Protein backbone atom coordinates (compact mmCIF):
# COMPACT_ATOMS: atom_id res chain seq x y z
CA MET A 1 41.76 59.15 -45.05
CA ARG A 2 38.07 58.49 -44.76
CA LYS A 3 38.62 54.72 -44.60
CA THR A 4 41.13 55.17 -41.80
CA PHE A 5 38.66 57.33 -39.78
CA ARG A 6 35.84 54.78 -40.18
CA SER A 7 38.12 51.99 -39.02
CA LEU A 8 39.05 53.96 -35.89
CA VAL A 9 35.35 54.65 -35.06
CA ALA A 10 34.40 50.96 -35.48
CA ALA A 11 37.28 49.84 -33.27
CA ALA A 12 36.29 52.32 -30.56
CA ALA A 13 32.66 51.14 -30.60
CA PHE A 14 33.72 47.51 -30.31
CA LEU A 15 35.99 48.21 -27.37
CA SER A 16 33.24 50.20 -25.62
CA SER A 17 30.64 47.42 -25.93
CA SER A 18 33.12 44.80 -24.73
CA ALA A 19 33.98 46.82 -21.66
CA PHE A 20 30.25 47.34 -20.80
CA ALA A 21 29.52 43.65 -21.14
CA ALA A 22 32.40 42.81 -18.85
CA ASP A 23 30.87 45.00 -16.14
CA LEU A 24 27.55 43.07 -16.14
CA PRO A 25 27.14 40.23 -13.52
CA ASP A 26 27.19 36.65 -14.79
CA ARG A 27 23.64 35.25 -14.34
CA GLY A 28 24.66 31.67 -15.02
CA PRO A 29 22.19 28.99 -16.15
CA ALA A 30 18.44 29.47 -15.43
CA VAL A 31 17.22 27.75 -12.24
CA ALA A 32 13.66 26.41 -11.84
CA PRO A 33 11.76 27.66 -8.76
CA ALA A 34 11.79 25.34 -5.75
CA PRO A 35 8.65 23.25 -5.18
CA VAL A 36 6.31 24.29 -2.36
CA LEU A 37 4.90 21.45 -0.22
CA VAL A 38 1.15 21.47 0.34
CA ALA A 39 -0.42 20.24 3.62
CA MET A 40 -2.54 17.07 3.59
CA ASN A 41 -6.00 17.47 2.12
CA TRP A 42 -8.82 16.01 4.25
CA THR A 43 -11.70 16.72 1.85
CA GLY A 44 -13.49 13.74 0.30
CA PHE A 45 -15.64 10.64 0.74
CA TYR A 46 -14.22 7.63 2.57
CA VAL A 47 -15.08 4.02 3.42
CA GLY A 48 -13.39 1.75 5.91
CA VAL A 49 -13.39 -0.99 8.51
CA HIS A 50 -13.00 -1.00 12.28
CA VAL A 51 -12.35 -3.33 15.21
CA GLY A 52 -12.52 -2.61 18.90
CA GLY A 53 -14.16 -3.34 22.20
CA MET A 54 -17.19 -2.41 24.28
CA ASP A 55 -17.79 -2.09 27.99
CA ALA A 56 -21.57 -2.28 28.44
CA ARG A 57 -23.24 -1.24 31.71
CA ASP A 58 -26.82 -2.30 32.29
CA ARG A 59 -29.05 -1.77 35.34
CA TRP A 60 -32.23 -3.82 35.68
CA ASN A 61 -35.30 -3.09 37.75
CA PHE A 62 -37.65 -6.10 38.07
CA THR A 63 -41.27 -4.98 38.23
CA ASN A 64 -44.77 -6.32 37.68
CA GLY A 65 -47.17 -5.09 35.02
CA ALA A 66 -50.30 -5.81 37.07
CA VAL A 67 -50.63 -5.54 40.83
CA GLY A 68 -50.81 -8.98 42.43
CA ALA A 69 -50.17 -10.82 39.15
CA GLY A 70 -47.09 -12.49 37.75
CA VAL A 71 -44.47 -14.74 39.31
CA TRP A 72 -42.44 -11.65 40.41
CA ALA A 73 -45.38 -10.10 42.25
CA GLY A 74 -43.61 -10.42 45.58
CA PHE A 75 -40.32 -9.04 44.23
CA ASN A 76 -41.31 -5.65 42.84
CA GLY A 77 -38.40 -3.23 42.96
CA ALA A 78 -35.64 -5.87 42.97
CA ARG A 79 -32.56 -4.70 41.09
CA ALA A 80 -29.50 -6.11 39.37
CA ALA A 81 -26.42 -4.47 37.82
CA LEU A 82 -24.60 -6.02 34.89
CA SER A 83 -21.24 -5.07 33.43
CA HIS A 84 -20.20 -6.99 30.35
CA THR A 85 -17.36 -6.52 27.87
CA GLY A 86 -16.70 -7.92 24.43
CA SER A 87 -15.30 -7.32 20.97
CA ILE A 88 -16.86 -5.43 18.08
CA GLY A 89 -16.14 -5.07 14.37
CA GLY A 90 -17.78 -3.42 11.40
CA LEU A 91 -17.84 -0.89 8.58
CA GLN A 92 -18.03 2.87 8.28
CA ALA A 93 -18.41 5.51 5.58
CA GLY A 94 -18.58 9.27 5.52
CA TYR A 95 -17.55 12.59 4.05
CA MET A 96 -15.22 15.35 5.25
CA GLN A 97 -14.82 18.93 4.03
CA GLN A 98 -11.79 21.03 4.93
CA PHE A 99 -11.93 24.81 5.51
CA GLY A 100 -8.38 25.92 6.18
CA THR A 101 -7.40 23.98 9.30
CA LEU A 102 -11.04 23.29 10.24
CA VAL A 103 -12.54 19.96 9.09
CA ALA A 104 -16.27 19.10 9.31
CA GLY A 105 -18.10 15.99 8.21
CA ILE A 106 -20.51 13.14 8.83
CA ASP A 107 -19.75 9.53 9.73
CA LEU A 108 -22.03 6.47 9.57
CA SER A 109 -20.97 3.17 11.12
CA VAL A 110 -22.48 -0.24 11.87
CA SER A 111 -20.88 -2.77 14.22
CA GLY A 112 -21.53 -6.39 15.05
CA ALA A 113 -20.99 -7.08 18.74
CA ASN A 114 -20.03 -10.13 20.76
CA VAL A 115 -21.14 -8.68 24.08
CA ARG A 116 -23.18 -10.77 26.50
CA ARG A 117 -23.57 -11.50 30.23
CA THR A 118 -25.53 -14.08 32.25
CA ILE A 119 -26.53 -13.77 35.91
CA ALA A 120 -28.39 -16.04 38.30
CA SER A 121 -32.00 -15.13 39.00
CA PRO A 122 -32.45 -13.01 42.17
CA PHE A 123 -35.76 -14.81 42.75
CA PHE A 124 -35.58 -18.55 42.22
CA PRO A 125 -32.74 -21.08 42.06
CA GLY A 126 -32.38 -22.77 38.70
CA GLU A 127 -33.14 -19.61 36.70
CA TRP A 128 -30.72 -17.39 34.76
CA PHE A 129 -31.07 -14.09 32.98
CA SER A 130 -28.85 -13.14 30.06
CA MET A 131 -28.34 -9.90 28.16
CA ARG A 132 -26.85 -9.75 24.67
CA GLN A 133 -26.12 -6.85 22.36
CA ALA A 134 -26.15 -8.14 18.77
CA TRP A 135 -25.32 -4.97 16.82
CA PHE A 136 -25.41 -1.19 16.95
CA GLY A 137 -25.08 1.72 14.55
CA LEU A 138 -23.99 5.35 14.93
CA VAL A 139 -24.83 8.41 12.80
CA GLN A 140 -22.53 11.23 13.84
CA GLY A 141 -21.59 14.75 12.92
CA ARG A 142 -17.88 15.47 13.23
CA ILE A 143 -15.77 18.62 13.61
CA GLY A 144 -12.03 18.81 14.08
CA VAL A 145 -8.75 20.62 13.53
CA ALA A 146 -6.12 19.40 11.05
CA PHE A 147 -2.39 19.51 11.74
CA ASP A 148 -1.08 18.38 8.35
CA ARG A 149 -1.21 14.54 8.65
CA PHE A 150 -3.07 14.59 11.98
CA LEU A 151 -6.77 15.32 12.54
CA VAL A 152 -8.14 15.73 16.07
CA PHE A 153 -11.94 15.73 16.23
CA ALA A 154 -15.07 15.61 18.37
CA GLN A 155 -18.21 13.78 17.24
CA GLY A 156 -21.75 13.04 18.33
CA GLY A 157 -25.20 12.07 17.13
CA LEU A 158 -27.74 9.24 17.12
CA ALA A 159 -27.35 5.60 18.14
CA VAL A 160 -29.46 2.53 17.37
CA GLY A 161 -28.92 -1.02 18.60
CA GLN A 162 -30.54 -4.42 19.08
CA HIS A 163 -30.62 -5.77 22.62
CA LYS A 164 -31.84 -9.17 23.74
CA ILE A 165 -32.87 -10.45 27.18
CA ARG A 166 -33.48 -14.12 27.83
CA LEU A 167 -34.79 -16.08 30.80
CA THR A 168 -33.50 -19.65 31.07
CA THR A 169 -34.76 -22.24 33.56
CA VAL A 170 -33.03 -25.38 34.68
CA SER A 171 -35.70 -27.53 32.99
CA ASN A 172 -35.79 -25.35 29.83
CA PHE A 173 -39.58 -25.73 30.08
CA ASN A 174 -40.74 -22.13 30.31
CA ASP A 175 -37.79 -20.33 28.76
CA ASP A 176 -38.64 -16.98 27.23
CA GLY A 177 -36.88 -14.02 25.66
CA ALA A 178 -37.43 -10.54 24.30
CA SER A 179 -35.59 -8.60 21.62
CA GLU A 180 -35.89 -4.87 21.05
CA THR A 181 -34.29 -2.27 18.78
CA ARG A 182 -33.47 0.76 20.92
CA LEU A 183 -32.65 4.36 20.03
CA GLY A 184 -30.21 6.55 21.90
CA TRP A 185 -27.51 9.17 21.57
CA THR A 186 -23.73 9.25 21.53
CA ILE A 187 -20.81 11.62 22.00
CA GLY A 188 -17.11 11.01 21.53
CA ALA A 189 -13.71 12.07 20.23
CA GLY A 190 -10.86 10.68 18.17
CA ILE A 191 -7.68 11.21 16.20
CA ASN A 192 -6.81 10.30 12.60
CA TYR A 193 -3.43 10.03 10.90
CA LYS A 194 -2.91 10.05 7.12
CA LEU A 195 -0.55 7.24 6.18
CA THR A 196 -0.72 8.46 2.56
CA SER A 197 -2.91 10.87 0.65
CA ASN A 198 -5.71 8.25 0.65
CA TRP A 199 -5.17 5.85 3.57
CA ILE A 200 -6.19 7.00 7.06
CA LEU A 201 -5.48 5.23 10.37
CA GLY A 202 -7.56 6.30 13.38
CA ALA A 203 -8.63 5.69 16.97
CA GLN A 204 -11.81 6.91 18.64
CA TYR A 205 -13.94 6.65 21.77
CA ASN A 206 -17.72 6.92 22.12
CA TYR A 207 -20.06 7.10 25.08
CA VAL A 208 -23.42 5.62 24.03
CA ASP A 209 -26.62 6.10 26.04
CA PHE A 210 -29.61 3.91 25.12
CA GLY A 211 -31.77 5.27 27.92
CA ASN A 212 -34.48 3.21 29.62
CA HIS A 213 -36.53 0.43 28.06
CA THR A 214 -38.97 -2.15 29.40
CA PHE A 215 -38.81 -5.82 28.34
CA ARG A 216 -41.82 -8.08 28.94
CA LEU A 217 -41.17 -11.77 29.70
CA GLN A 218 -43.53 -14.69 30.25
CA ASN A 219 -42.13 -16.40 33.30
CA ASN A 220 -43.89 -19.74 33.79
CA GLY A 221 -46.82 -18.45 31.76
CA ALA A 222 -47.15 -15.13 33.58
CA PRO A 223 -47.17 -12.29 31.00
CA ASN A 224 -46.80 -9.42 33.47
CA ASP A 225 -43.19 -9.87 34.57
CA LEU A 226 -41.15 -6.90 33.38
CA ILE A 227 -37.49 -5.90 33.30
CA ARG A 228 -36.81 -2.18 33.05
CA SER A 229 -33.34 -1.79 31.53
CA SER A 230 -31.11 1.28 31.74
CA LYS A 231 -28.17 0.80 29.36
CA ARG A 232 -24.93 2.78 28.88
CA ASP A 233 -21.96 1.70 26.71
CA HIS A 234 -18.32 2.71 26.38
CA VAL A 235 -16.94 1.95 22.90
CA VAL A 236 -13.34 2.08 21.61
CA LYS A 237 -12.50 1.61 17.91
CA LEU A 238 -9.43 1.35 15.72
CA THR A 239 -10.30 2.42 12.17
CA LEU A 240 -8.74 2.12 8.72
CA ASP A 241 -10.26 4.24 5.94
CA TYR A 242 -9.66 4.83 2.25
CA GLN A 243 -10.48 8.38 1.13
CA PHE A 244 -11.40 9.00 -2.49
CA GLY A 245 -10.10 11.92 -4.52
CA SER A 246 -7.72 13.25 -1.89
CA VAL A 247 -4.63 14.51 -3.76
CA THR A 248 -1.65 15.96 -1.91
CA GLY A 249 1.88 16.67 -3.09
CA PRO A 250 4.42 19.29 -4.14
CA VAL A 251 3.43 22.02 -6.57
CA VAL A 252 5.60 24.56 -8.40
CA ALA A 253 5.26 28.10 -7.10
CA LYS A 254 4.20 30.69 -9.65
CA TYR A 255 5.75 34.15 -9.78
């Protein structure tokens, strides 16, 4: 009798547990959480190359260093305007730090320039004046806003460049020239696009103001003939940079 009762209790318990398990939902196999995509990271050092063009605007004022002296003594106040274009190319390096969507940094660049212009002398036939810009460098602070792969920025800072003026005569007898390194300032804007986590393609524009500078030439032995130059440049660059340590990709969300 006791064995029969125990068998009935065990059967009832088994049936109860089976019925409860049948009421539970089927969870199925475990599924890993979906990856979450992270926006491009703009923080890091970079180096690169650039090519572009320059539109240089130069205004000259011919003066005389000593009253009544110099070949240009009778031409004080004569003026000439030069506009010359050419190609540029060079290197750049810098660092960017990202704060949310805000990106700040510093950029240093140096460019060789093939920019020159020659004009006939306003004084004497058989004379020519030429202006050449050999190179220039920019040291700029930069601030911008990132939109994932795109970075739109403004920039500005210091400029330095070497400018040469040369006087050439038809006989090449009393040719003379002057070369000066000039300081100035610059302001500009640009846009960058991340091709990958490390490679960046960009385009930028800069207005460069080298201010006023006086060149002294010896024209036919006269040391007092001066050219006062007022120089402004418009520079466009296409840039390609490699950024170090910039890692971007999917990560697994944690719960």
